[in-house]
Amino acid sequence: MEIEQLTLSTDVVLNLWRGSPLAIDNVVQGMKETDPKPTAPMVHSDEKDRDEPNENDPDYKRASLEWTSRIGLRIYAVLLATASSVKSIPKGMMAHDSDEFLEVLEISGIVPRRTSIGLYVQWVHLIAAVQGDAEVLGEKLLRLAGISEAEIAEAEATFRSVQERDTDQDASDNVNGRDRDRVQDTVTGLGV
């Protein structure tokens, strides 16, 4: 197995290897069953004398972006869990399996995952990957999994970064409209 290394802006070095495209497909299929993609509302076209989906409906567009974001986070989480590991952490930085990291999760109101892999995914998301690292890491993991350049470009154009989601004033039900608190995805344990 060929292993690549990626140094994040925090000086954390991760080992990356080829993830399973089947794992990605399982995420997508699972989402289709448990969290189906929103459907556009129908509107009547007098001109064509028939009902048609209104894909420009703002609620539909917002729901579609949120769904795409959720699926992107789940794919990112499964690839992190199955196709990466920590090679090195800079001196003084807390590790994913440390009591200090558990304390940070508790202070933040985030429920720690039950396993070392789950804690690792939360740690990369919350501590190790900052300043655009998540996008670079996600792109590398997708490439290693055999996802085509065109599919990666489409995903990049569609997925909103966590930073954009935090500042989006039209965000959906996953964000508290008064104070913009991030909440936790119940499957990945990541902030959304």
N, C-alpha and C. Protein backbone atom coordinates (compact mmCIF):
# COMPACT_ATOMS: atom_id res chain seq x y z
N MET A 1 0.85 -1.17 0.00
CA MET A 1 0.00 0.00 0.00
C MET A 1 0.90 1.24 0.00
N GLU A 2 0.62 2.12 -0.96
CA GLU A 2 1.37 3.37 -1.05
C GLU A 2 0.80 4.38 -0.07
N ILE A 3 1.69 4.99 0.73
CA ILE A 3 1.27 5.97 1.72
C ILE A 3 1.83 7.33 1.34
N GLU A 4 0.96 8.32 1.30
CA GLU A 4 1.37 9.71 1.08
C GLU A 4 1.30 10.43 2.41
N GLN A 5 2.08 11.49 2.53
CA GLN A 5 2.02 12.29 3.74
C GLN A 5 1.57 13.70 3.40
N LEU A 6 0.79 14.26 4.30
CA LEU A 6 0.29 15.62 4.14
C LEU A 6 0.58 16.38 5.43
N THR A 7 1.29 17.50 5.30
CA THR A 7 1.55 18.36 6.45
C THR A 7 0.50 19.46 6.46
N LEU A 8 -0.25 19.53 7.55
CA LEU A 8 -1.28 20.54 7.70
C LEU A 8 -0.67 21.85 8.19
N SER A 9 -1.43 22.92 8.14
CA SER A 9 -0.92 24.23 8.56
C SER A 9 -0.58 24.26 10.05
N THR A 10 -1.08 23.31 10.80
CA THR A 10 -0.77 23.20 12.23
C THR A 10 0.49 22.39 12.48
N ASP A 11 1.16 21.97 11.42
CA ASP A 11 2.36 21.11 11.46
C ASP A 11 2.05 19.67 11.86
N VAL A 12 0.79 19.30 11.90
CA VAL A 12 0.42 17.90 12.06
C VAL A 12 0.70 17.22 10.73
N VAL A 13 1.32 16.04 10.79
CA VAL A 13 1.58 15.27 9.58
C VAL A 13 0.67 14.04 9.60
N LEU A 14 -0.10 13.88 8.52
CA LEU A 14 -0.99 12.74 8.40
C LEU A 14 -0.48 11.78 7.33
N ASN A 15 -0.65 10.49 7.57
CA ASN A 15 -0.44 9.47 6.55
C ASN A 15 -1.78 9.29 5.84
N LEU A 16 -1.73 9.24 4.51
CA LEU A 16 -2.93 9.05 3.70
C LEU A 16 -2.71 7.89 2.75
N TRP A 17 -3.73 7.10 2.52
CA TRP A 17 -3.64 6.00 1.57
C TRP A 17 -4.97 5.87 0.83
N ARG A 18 -4.99 4.98 -0.12
CA ARG A 18 -6.18 4.81 -0.97
C ARG A 18 -7.37 4.35 -0.13
N GLY A 19 -8.41 5.17 -0.13
CA GLY A 19 -9.65 4.80 0.54
C GLY A 19 -10.52 4.00 -0.40
N SER A 20 -11.51 3.40 0.15
CA SER A 20 -12.39 2.54 -0.63
C SER A 20 -13.50 3.33 -1.31
N PRO A 21 -13.58 3.26 -2.65
CA PRO A 21 -14.72 3.89 -3.33
C PRO A 21 -16.05 3.27 -2.88
N LEU A 22 -16.01 2.00 -2.49
CA LEU A 22 -17.21 1.34 -1.99
C LEU A 22 -17.70 1.99 -0.70
N ALA A 23 -16.76 2.44 0.15
CA ALA A 23 -17.15 3.13 1.39
C ALA A 23 -17.89 4.42 1.05
N ILE A 24 -17.40 5.14 0.04
CA ILE A 24 -18.07 6.37 -0.39
C ILE A 24 -19.46 6.05 -0.92
N ASP A 25 -19.55 5.01 -1.74
CA ASP A 25 -20.85 4.61 -2.29
C ASP A 25 -21.80 4.21 -1.17
N ASN A 26 -21.30 3.53 -0.15
CA ASN A 26 -22.14 3.14 0.98
C ASN A 26 -22.69 4.37 1.71
N VAL A 27 -21.86 5.41 1.85
CA VAL A 27 -22.32 6.64 2.48
C VAL A 27 -23.45 7.25 1.65
N VAL A 28 -23.22 7.35 0.34
CA VAL A 28 -24.22 7.95 -0.54
C VAL A 28 -25.51 7.15 -0.51
N GLN A 29 -25.43 5.84 -0.63
CA GLN A 29 -26.63 5.00 -0.61
C GLN A 29 -27.35 5.09 0.73
N GLY A 30 -26.58 5.09 1.81
CA GLY A 30 -27.18 5.21 3.14
C GLY A 30 -27.91 6.52 3.32
N MET A 31 -27.30 7.60 2.81
CA MET A 31 -27.96 8.91 2.89
C MET A 31 -29.25 8.92 2.08
N LYS A 32 -29.23 8.28 0.92
CA LYS A 32 -30.44 8.25 0.09
C LYS A 32 -31.59 7.56 0.83
N GLU A 33 -31.24 6.57 1.67
CA GLU A 33 -32.27 5.84 2.40
C GLU A 33 -32.71 6.56 3.67
N THR A 34 -31.75 7.09 4.44
CA THR A 34 -32.08 7.68 5.73
C THR A 34 -32.32 9.18 5.69
N ASP A 35 -31.78 9.83 4.68
CA ASP A 35 -31.87 11.29 4.56
C ASP A 35 -31.95 11.63 3.08
N PRO A 36 -33.09 11.31 2.44
CA PRO A 36 -33.18 11.49 0.99
C PRO A 36 -32.97 12.94 0.56
N LYS A 37 -32.45 13.09 -0.65
CA LYS A 37 -32.24 14.41 -1.21
C LYS A 37 -33.58 15.11 -1.35
N PRO A 38 -33.63 16.40 -1.02
CA PRO A 38 -34.90 17.13 -1.14
C PRO A 38 -35.41 17.13 -2.58
N THR A 39 -36.72 17.22 -2.70
CA THR A 39 -37.32 17.32 -4.03
C THR A 39 -37.87 18.73 -4.21
N ALA A 40 -37.74 19.22 -5.43
CA ALA A 40 -38.21 20.57 -5.75
C ALA A 40 -39.74 20.60 -5.71
N PRO A 41 -40.29 21.70 -5.19
CA PRO A 41 -41.75 21.82 -5.19
C PRO A 41 -42.27 21.97 -6.62
N MET A 42 -43.46 21.51 -6.83
CA MET A 42 -44.07 21.61 -8.16
C MET A 42 -44.80 22.96 -8.29
N VAL A 43 -44.70 23.52 -9.48
CA VAL A 43 -45.45 24.74 -9.81
C VAL A 43 -46.13 24.50 -11.15
N HIS A 44 -47.26 25.13 -11.31
CA HIS A 44 -47.99 24.97 -12.56
C HIS A 44 -47.50 25.99 -13.58
N SER A 45 -47.14 25.51 -14.77
CA SER A 45 -46.75 26.39 -15.86
C SER A 45 -47.95 26.56 -16.77
N ASP A 46 -48.50 27.77 -16.77
CA ASP A 46 -49.63 28.06 -17.64
C ASP A 46 -49.21 27.96 -19.10
N GLU A 47 -47.98 28.37 -19.35
CA GLU A 47 -47.44 28.36 -20.71
C GLU A 47 -47.41 26.94 -21.30
N LYS A 48 -47.01 25.97 -20.46
CA LYS A 48 -46.92 24.58 -20.92
C LYS A 48 -48.12 23.74 -20.50
N ASP A 49 -48.99 24.34 -19.68
CA ASP A 49 -50.17 23.68 -19.15
C ASP A 49 -49.84 22.35 -18.46
N ARG A 50 -48.85 22.43 -17.58
CA ARG A 50 -48.48 21.25 -16.79
C ARG A 50 -47.72 21.69 -15.54
N ASP A 51 -47.63 20.78 -14.59
CA ASP A 51 -46.84 21.04 -13.39
C ASP A 51 -45.39 20.67 -13.65
N GLU A 52 -44.48 21.50 -13.13
CA GLU A 52 -43.05 21.27 -13.30
C GLU A 52 -42.35 21.54 -11.97
N PRO A 53 -41.21 20.86 -11.75
CA PRO A 53 -40.45 21.14 -10.52
C PRO A 53 -39.83 22.55 -10.60
N ASN A 54 -39.90 23.26 -9.49
CA ASN A 54 -39.31 24.60 -9.41
C ASN A 54 -37.97 24.50 -8.68
N GLU A 55 -36.91 24.28 -9.43
CA GLU A 55 -35.59 24.13 -8.83
C GLU A 55 -34.99 25.46 -8.40
N ASN A 56 -35.66 26.57 -8.68
CA ASN A 56 -35.21 27.88 -8.24
C ASN A 56 -35.86 28.31 -6.93
N ASP A 57 -36.73 27.48 -6.38
CA ASP A 57 -37.36 27.79 -5.11
C ASP A 57 -36.28 27.95 -4.04
N PRO A 58 -36.25 29.09 -3.32
CA PRO A 58 -35.18 29.34 -2.34
C PRO A 58 -35.11 28.29 -1.23
N ASP A 59 -36.26 27.82 -0.76
CA ASP A 59 -36.24 26.79 0.29
C ASP A 59 -35.66 25.48 -0.25
N TYR A 60 -36.02 25.13 -1.47
CA TYR A 60 -35.47 23.93 -2.09
C TYR A 60 -33.95 24.06 -2.29
N LYS A 61 -33.53 25.21 -2.80
CA LYS A 61 -32.09 25.43 -3.03
C LYS A 61 -31.31 25.33 -1.72
N ARG A 62 -31.84 25.94 -0.66
CA ARG A 62 -31.18 25.90 0.64
C ARG A 62 -31.14 24.47 1.17
N ALA A 63 -32.25 23.75 1.07
CA ALA A 63 -32.31 22.36 1.55
C ALA A 63 -31.35 21.47 0.76
N SER A 64 -31.24 21.71 -0.55
CA SER A 64 -30.33 20.92 -1.39
C SER A 64 -28.87 21.18 -1.00
N LEU A 65 -28.53 22.45 -0.75
CA LEU A 65 -27.17 22.77 -0.32
C LEU A 65 -26.85 22.13 1.02
N GLU A 66 -27.81 22.16 1.94
CA GLU A 66 -27.60 21.55 3.25
C GLU A 66 -27.42 20.04 3.12
N TRP A 67 -28.23 19.41 2.27
CA TRP A 67 -28.11 17.96 2.06
C TRP A 67 -26.75 17.63 1.47
N THR A 68 -26.33 18.39 0.48
CA THR A 68 -25.03 18.16 -0.15
C THR A 68 -23.91 18.35 0.86
N SER A 69 -24.05 19.32 1.72
CA SER A 69 -23.06 19.57 2.75
C SER A 69 -22.99 18.39 3.73
N ARG A 70 -24.15 17.88 4.13
CA ARG A 70 -24.19 16.74 5.05
C ARG A 70 -23.53 15.51 4.43
N ILE A 71 -23.82 15.25 3.18
CA ILE A 71 -23.23 14.08 2.53
C ILE A 71 -21.72 14.26 2.38
N GLY A 72 -21.30 15.49 2.08
CA GLY A 72 -19.87 15.78 1.97
C GLY A 72 -19.14 15.55 3.28
N LEU A 73 -19.75 16.00 4.39
CA LEU A 73 -19.13 15.78 5.70
C LEU A 73 -19.04 14.30 6.04
N ARG A 74 -20.04 13.55 5.65
CA ARG A 74 -20.01 12.10 5.95
C ARG A 74 -18.96 11.38 5.12
N ILE A 75 -18.83 11.77 3.86
CA ILE A 75 -17.80 11.16 3.01
C ILE A 75 -16.42 11.52 3.56
N TYR A 76 -16.24 12.79 3.92
CA TYR A 76 -14.98 13.25 4.51
C TYR A 76 -14.67 12.44 5.77
N ALA A 77 -15.66 12.25 6.63
CA ALA A 77 -15.46 11.51 7.88
C ALA A 77 -15.10 10.05 7.62
N VAL A 78 -15.78 9.41 6.67
CA VAL A 78 -15.47 7.99 6.42
C VAL A 78 -14.08 7.83 5.80
N LEU A 79 -13.69 8.76 4.94
CA LEU A 79 -12.34 8.68 4.37
C LEU A 79 -11.27 8.99 5.42
N LEU A 80 -11.53 9.96 6.28
CA LEU A 80 -10.58 10.21 7.38
C LEU A 80 -10.42 8.97 8.24
N ALA A 81 -11.54 8.33 8.56
CA ALA A 81 -11.52 7.17 9.45
C ALA A 81 -10.86 5.95 8.83
N THR A 82 -10.99 5.80 7.52
CA THR A 82 -10.53 4.55 6.88
C THR A 82 -9.27 4.71 6.04
N ALA A 83 -8.85 5.95 5.75
CA ALA A 83 -7.73 6.13 4.83
C ALA A 83 -6.71 7.16 5.31
N SER A 84 -6.64 7.36 6.63
CA SER A 84 -5.64 8.28 7.16
C SER A 84 -5.29 7.93 8.59
N SER A 85 -4.14 8.42 9.02
CA SER A 85 -3.71 8.28 10.41
C SER A 85 -2.71 9.38 10.71
N VAL A 86 -2.44 9.58 11.99
CA VAL A 86 -1.47 10.59 12.40
C VAL A 86 -0.08 10.01 12.32
N LYS A 87 0.80 10.74 11.64
CA LYS A 87 2.22 10.36 11.64
C LYS A 87 2.94 11.10 12.76
N SER A 88 2.70 12.42 12.84
CA SER A 88 3.34 13.19 13.91
C SER A 88 2.51 14.41 14.28
N ILE A 89 2.67 14.81 15.52
CA ILE A 89 1.99 15.97 16.09
C ILE A 89 3.07 16.89 16.65
N PRO A 90 2.96 18.20 16.41
CA PRO A 90 3.98 19.09 16.96
C PRO A 90 3.97 19.08 18.49
N LYS A 91 5.13 19.31 19.05
CA LYS A 91 5.27 19.33 20.51
C LYS A 91 4.30 20.35 21.10
N GLY A 92 3.59 19.93 22.13
CA GLY A 92 2.66 20.81 22.82
C GLY A 92 1.23 20.73 22.33
N MET A 93 0.99 20.11 21.18
CA MET A 93 -0.38 19.98 20.68
C MET A 93 -1.02 18.74 21.29
N MET A 94 -2.29 18.89 21.68
CA MET A 94 -3.00 17.74 22.25
C MET A 94 -3.27 16.69 21.17
N ALA A 95 -3.23 15.45 21.56
CA ALA A 95 -3.50 14.33 20.66
C ALA A 95 -4.98 13.97 20.74
N HIS A 96 -5.43 13.21 19.73
CA HIS A 96 -6.84 12.84 19.68
C HIS A 96 -7.24 11.90 20.81
N ASP A 97 -6.28 11.19 21.36
CA ASP A 97 -6.58 10.24 22.42
C ASP A 97 -6.18 10.77 23.80
N SER A 98 -6.05 12.09 23.92
CA SER A 98 -5.64 12.68 25.20
C SER A 98 -6.85 13.12 26.03
N ASP A 99 -6.62 13.19 27.33
CA ASP A 99 -7.65 13.70 28.22
C ASP A 99 -7.93 15.17 27.92
N GLU A 100 -6.91 15.90 27.48
CA GLU A 100 -7.09 17.31 27.16
C GLU A 100 -8.09 17.48 26.02
N PHE A 101 -8.01 16.63 25.00
CA PHE A 101 -8.95 16.74 23.88
C PHE A 101 -10.37 16.41 24.34
N LEU A 102 -10.51 15.39 25.18
CA LEU A 102 -11.84 15.07 25.72
C LEU A 102 -12.40 16.27 26.48
N GLU A 103 -11.53 16.97 27.21
CA GLU A 103 -11.96 18.15 27.96
C GLU A 103 -12.41 19.26 27.01
N VAL A 104 -11.69 19.46 25.91
CA VAL A 104 -12.07 20.47 24.92
C VAL A 104 -13.45 20.14 24.34
N LEU A 105 -13.69 18.88 24.03
CA LEU A 105 -15.00 18.48 23.52
C LEU A 105 -16.08 18.77 24.55
N GLU A 106 -15.82 18.43 25.80
CA GLU A 106 -16.80 18.66 26.85
C GLU A 106 -17.09 20.15 27.02
N ILE A 107 -16.05 20.96 27.07
CA ILE A 107 -16.22 22.41 27.21
C ILE A 107 -17.02 22.97 26.04
N SER A 108 -16.79 22.40 24.85
CA SER A 108 -17.46 22.87 23.64
C SER A 108 -18.89 22.37 23.51
N GLY A 109 -19.29 21.46 24.40
CA GLY A 109 -20.63 20.91 24.32
C GLY A 109 -20.78 19.85 23.24
N ILE A 110 -19.66 19.29 22.80
CA ILE A 110 -19.68 18.27 21.76
C ILE A 110 -19.55 16.89 22.42
N VAL A 111 -20.41 16.00 22.03
CA VAL A 111 -20.38 14.65 22.57
C VAL A 111 -19.21 13.90 21.95
N PRO A 112 -18.26 13.43 22.78
CA PRO A 112 -17.13 12.68 22.21
C PRO A 112 -17.59 11.36 21.61
N ARG A 113 -16.99 10.99 20.49
CA ARG A 113 -17.27 9.68 19.89
C ARG A 113 -16.76 8.60 20.84
N ARG A 114 -17.29 7.41 20.70
CA ARG A 114 -17.00 6.31 21.62
C ARG A 114 -15.69 5.61 21.35
N THR A 115 -15.18 5.70 20.12
CA THR A 115 -14.00 4.93 19.77
C THR A 115 -12.83 5.84 19.42
N SER A 116 -11.65 5.24 19.37
CA SER A 116 -10.45 5.99 19.01
C SER A 116 -10.57 6.57 17.60
N ILE A 117 -11.16 5.82 16.68
CA ILE A 117 -11.32 6.31 15.31
C ILE A 117 -12.27 7.51 15.28
N GLY A 118 -13.36 7.41 16.00
CA GLY A 118 -14.30 8.52 16.06
C GLY A 118 -13.67 9.77 16.67
N LEU A 119 -12.90 9.58 17.74
CA LEU A 119 -12.21 10.71 18.35
C LEU A 119 -11.17 11.30 17.40
N TYR A 120 -10.50 10.44 16.65
CA TYR A 120 -9.52 10.91 15.66
C TYR A 120 -10.19 11.80 14.62
N VAL A 121 -11.34 11.38 14.11
CA VAL A 121 -12.05 12.18 13.10
C VAL A 121 -12.45 13.54 13.70
N GLN A 122 -12.97 13.54 14.92
CA GLN A 122 -13.33 14.80 15.57
C GLN A 122 -12.09 15.68 15.77
N TRP A 123 -10.98 15.09 16.18
CA TRP A 123 -9.75 15.83 16.44
C TRP A 123 -9.23 16.48 15.16
N VAL A 124 -9.20 15.71 14.06
CA VAL A 124 -8.73 16.30 12.80
C VAL A 124 -9.62 17.47 12.44
N HIS A 125 -10.91 17.29 12.56
CA HIS A 125 -11.87 18.33 12.18
C HIS A 125 -11.77 19.57 13.06
N LEU A 126 -11.58 19.38 14.36
CA LEU A 126 -11.63 20.50 15.31
C LEU A 126 -10.27 21.10 15.67
N ILE A 127 -9.21 20.31 15.63
CA ILE A 127 -7.91 20.75 16.12
C ILE A 127 -6.84 20.78 15.03
N ALA A 128 -6.69 19.70 14.30
CA ALA A 128 -5.55 19.56 13.38
C ALA A 128 -5.72 20.31 12.07
N ALA A 129 -6.91 20.28 11.49
CA ALA A 129 -7.13 20.85 10.16
C ALA A 129 -7.77 22.23 10.27
N VAL A 130 -6.97 23.26 10.05
CA VAL A 130 -7.46 24.64 10.10
C VAL A 130 -6.98 25.38 8.85
N GLN A 131 -7.45 26.60 8.66
CA GLN A 131 -6.98 27.49 7.58
C GLN A 131 -7.00 26.84 6.20
N GLY A 132 -8.11 26.20 5.86
CA GLY A 132 -8.23 25.59 4.54
C GLY A 132 -7.69 24.18 4.44
N ASP A 133 -7.16 23.65 5.53
CA ASP A 133 -6.61 22.29 5.52
C ASP A 133 -7.66 21.25 5.17
N ALA A 134 -8.89 21.44 5.66
CA ALA A 134 -9.93 20.44 5.44
C ALA A 134 -10.21 20.26 3.96
N GLU A 135 -10.21 21.36 3.21
CA GLU A 135 -10.47 21.28 1.77
C GLU A 135 -9.34 20.53 1.06
N VAL A 136 -8.09 20.86 1.41
CA VAL A 136 -6.94 20.19 0.80
C VAL A 136 -6.94 18.70 1.17
N LEU A 137 -7.18 18.42 2.44
CA LEU A 137 -7.21 17.04 2.91
C LEU A 137 -8.33 16.26 2.23
N GLY A 138 -9.52 16.85 2.16
CA GLY A 138 -10.64 16.18 1.52
C GLY A 138 -10.36 15.88 0.05
N GLU A 139 -9.78 16.85 -0.65
CA GLU A 139 -9.44 16.67 -2.06
C GLU A 139 -8.43 15.54 -2.24
N LYS A 140 -7.40 15.51 -1.38
CA LYS A 140 -6.39 14.44 -1.48
C LYS A 140 -7.02 13.07 -1.20
N LEU A 141 -7.87 13.00 -0.19
CA LEU A 141 -8.51 11.73 0.13
C LEU A 141 -9.40 11.25 -1.01
N LEU A 142 -10.13 12.18 -1.63
CA LEU A 142 -10.98 11.81 -2.77
C LEU A 142 -10.14 11.34 -3.95
N ARG A 143 -9.04 12.03 -4.24
CA ARG A 143 -8.16 11.61 -5.34
C ARG A 143 -7.58 10.22 -5.08
N LEU A 144 -7.12 10.01 -3.85
CA LEU A 144 -6.56 8.69 -3.52
C LEU A 144 -7.62 7.59 -3.62
N ALA A 145 -8.87 7.92 -3.39
CA ALA A 145 -9.96 6.94 -3.48
C ALA A 145 -10.36 6.67 -4.92
N GLY A 146 -9.74 7.39 -5.85
CA GLY A 146 -10.02 7.15 -7.26
C GLY A 146 -11.16 7.98 -7.81
N ILE A 147 -11.54 9.02 -7.10
CA ILE A 147 -12.59 9.91 -7.60
C ILE A 147 -11.97 10.79 -8.69
N SER A 148 -12.66 10.93 -9.80
CA SER A 148 -12.10 11.66 -10.95
C SER A 148 -11.97 13.15 -10.66
N GLU A 149 -11.10 13.79 -11.43
CA GLU A 149 -10.90 15.23 -11.32
C GLU A 149 -12.22 15.98 -11.53
N ALA A 150 -13.00 15.53 -12.51
CA ALA A 150 -14.28 16.20 -12.79
C ALA A 150 -15.23 16.08 -11.60
N GLU A 151 -15.27 14.90 -10.97
CA GLU A 151 -16.14 14.71 -9.82
C GLU A 151 -15.66 15.55 -8.63
N ILE A 152 -14.34 15.66 -8.47
CA ILE A 152 -13.80 16.49 -7.39
C ILE A 152 -14.14 17.95 -7.64
N ALA A 153 -13.99 18.41 -8.87
CA ALA A 153 -14.31 19.80 -9.21
C ALA A 153 -15.79 20.08 -8.97
N GLU A 154 -16.66 19.12 -9.32
CA GLU A 154 -18.09 19.28 -9.09
C GLU A 154 -18.38 19.36 -7.60
N ALA A 155 -17.71 18.50 -6.82
CA ALA A 155 -17.91 18.51 -5.37
C ALA A 155 -17.44 19.83 -4.78
N GLU A 156 -16.28 20.32 -5.24
CA GLU A 156 -15.76 21.59 -4.72
C GLU A 156 -16.70 22.74 -5.05
N ALA A 157 -17.31 22.70 -6.22
CA ALA A 157 -18.23 23.77 -6.62
C ALA A 157 -19.53 23.70 -5.82
N THR A 158 -19.91 22.52 -5.38
CA THR A 158 -21.18 22.33 -4.70
C THR A 158 -21.07 22.45 -3.20
N PHE A 159 -20.03 21.84 -2.63
CA PHE A 159 -19.91 21.82 -1.17
C PHE A 159 -19.53 23.19 -0.67
N ARG A 160 -20.19 23.58 0.41
CA ARG A 160 -19.80 24.82 1.07
C ARG A 160 -18.87 24.45 2.21
N SER A 161 -17.86 25.27 2.41
CA SER A 161 -16.94 24.99 3.51
C SER A 161 -17.64 25.25 4.83
N VAL A 162 -17.10 24.71 5.88
CA VAL A 162 -17.65 24.92 7.21
C VAL A 162 -17.63 26.41 7.53
N GLN A 163 -16.60 27.13 7.12
CA GLN A 163 -16.51 28.56 7.39
C GLN A 163 -17.66 29.29 6.71
N GLU A 164 -17.96 28.95 5.46
CA GLU A 164 -19.07 29.59 4.77
C GLU A 164 -20.38 29.30 5.47
N ARG A 165 -20.55 28.06 5.94
CA ARG A 165 -21.79 27.68 6.62
C ARG A 165 -21.95 28.50 7.89
N ASP A 166 -20.84 28.77 8.60
CA ASP A 166 -20.91 29.53 9.84
C ASP A 166 -21.32 30.98 9.61
N THR A 167 -20.99 31.53 8.45
CA THR A 167 -21.29 32.93 8.21
C THR A 167 -22.52 33.12 7.33
N ASP A 168 -23.13 32.05 6.86
CA ASP A 168 -24.30 32.13 6.00
C ASP A 168 -25.51 32.55 6.82
N GLN A 169 -26.02 33.73 6.56
CA GLN A 169 -27.17 34.24 7.32
C GLN A 169 -28.47 33.56 6.93
N ASP A 170 -28.48 32.79 5.83
CA ASP A 170 -29.68 32.07 5.42
C ASP A 170 -29.57 30.58 5.72
N ALA A 171 -28.76 30.23 6.71
CA ALA A 171 -28.52 28.82 6.99
C ALA A 171 -29.79 28.13 7.45
N SER A 172 -29.78 26.81 7.34
CA SER A 172 -30.99 26.05 7.65
C SER A 172 -31.09 25.70 9.13
N ASP A 173 -31.86 24.68 9.41
CA ASP A 173 -32.20 24.30 10.77
C ASP A 173 -31.03 23.80 11.59
N ASN A 174 -29.86 23.55 11.03
CA ASN A 174 -28.72 23.07 11.80
C ASN A 174 -27.98 24.18 12.52
N VAL A 175 -28.40 25.42 12.35
CA VAL A 175 -27.72 26.54 12.99
C VAL A 175 -28.75 27.37 13.75
N ASN A 176 -28.42 27.72 14.97
CA ASN A 176 -29.28 28.55 15.78
C ASN A 176 -29.26 29.95 15.20
N GLY A 177 -30.41 30.44 14.74
CA GLY A 177 -30.48 31.72 14.06
C GLY A 177 -30.09 32.92 14.90
N ARG A 178 -30.19 32.83 16.23
CA ARG A 178 -29.86 33.99 17.05
C ARG A 178 -28.36 34.13 17.25
N ASP A 179 -27.69 33.06 17.65
CA ASP A 179 -26.28 33.21 18.01
C ASP A 179 -25.33 32.44 17.10
N ARG A 180 -25.83 31.83 16.04
CA ARG A 180 -25.02 31.15 15.03
C ARG A 180 -24.19 30.00 15.60
N ASP A 181 -24.67 29.37 16.68
CA ASP A 181 -23.95 28.24 17.24
C ASP A 181 -23.87 27.10 16.25
N ARG A 182 -22.70 26.48 16.18
CA ARG A 182 -22.58 25.28 15.36
C ARG A 182 -23.14 24.12 16.17
N VAL A 183 -23.81 23.22 15.48
CA VAL A 183 -24.34 22.03 16.14
C VAL A 183 -23.67 20.82 15.54
N GLN A 184 -23.88 19.70 16.17
CA GLN A 184 -23.18 18.50 15.82
C GLN A 184 -24.03 17.60 14.93
N ASP A 185 -23.42 17.08 13.85
CA ASP A 185 -24.08 16.09 13.01
C ASP A 185 -24.19 14.82 13.85
N THR A 186 -25.36 14.23 13.93
CA THR A 186 -25.57 13.09 14.79
C THR A 186 -24.87 11.83 14.31
N VAL A 187 -24.50 11.74 13.05
CA VAL A 187 -23.82 10.56 12.54
C VAL A 187 -22.31 10.70 12.65
N THR A 188 -21.76 11.82 12.18
CA THR A 188 -20.30 11.98 12.16
C THR A 188 -19.76 12.54 13.45
N GLY A 189 -20.58 13.25 14.22
CA GLY A 189 -20.07 13.92 15.41
C GLY A 189 -19.35 15.20 15.09
N LEU A 190 -19.38 15.63 13.81
CA LEU A 190 -18.68 16.84 13.41
C LEU A 190 -19.63 18.02 13.48
N GLY A 191 -19.07 19.19 13.70
CA GLY A 191 -19.87 20.41 13.69
C GLY A 191 -20.34 20.71 12.29
N VAL A 192 -21.56 21.12 12.17
CA VAL A 192 -22.10 21.48 10.85
C VAL A 192 -22.70 22.86 10.90
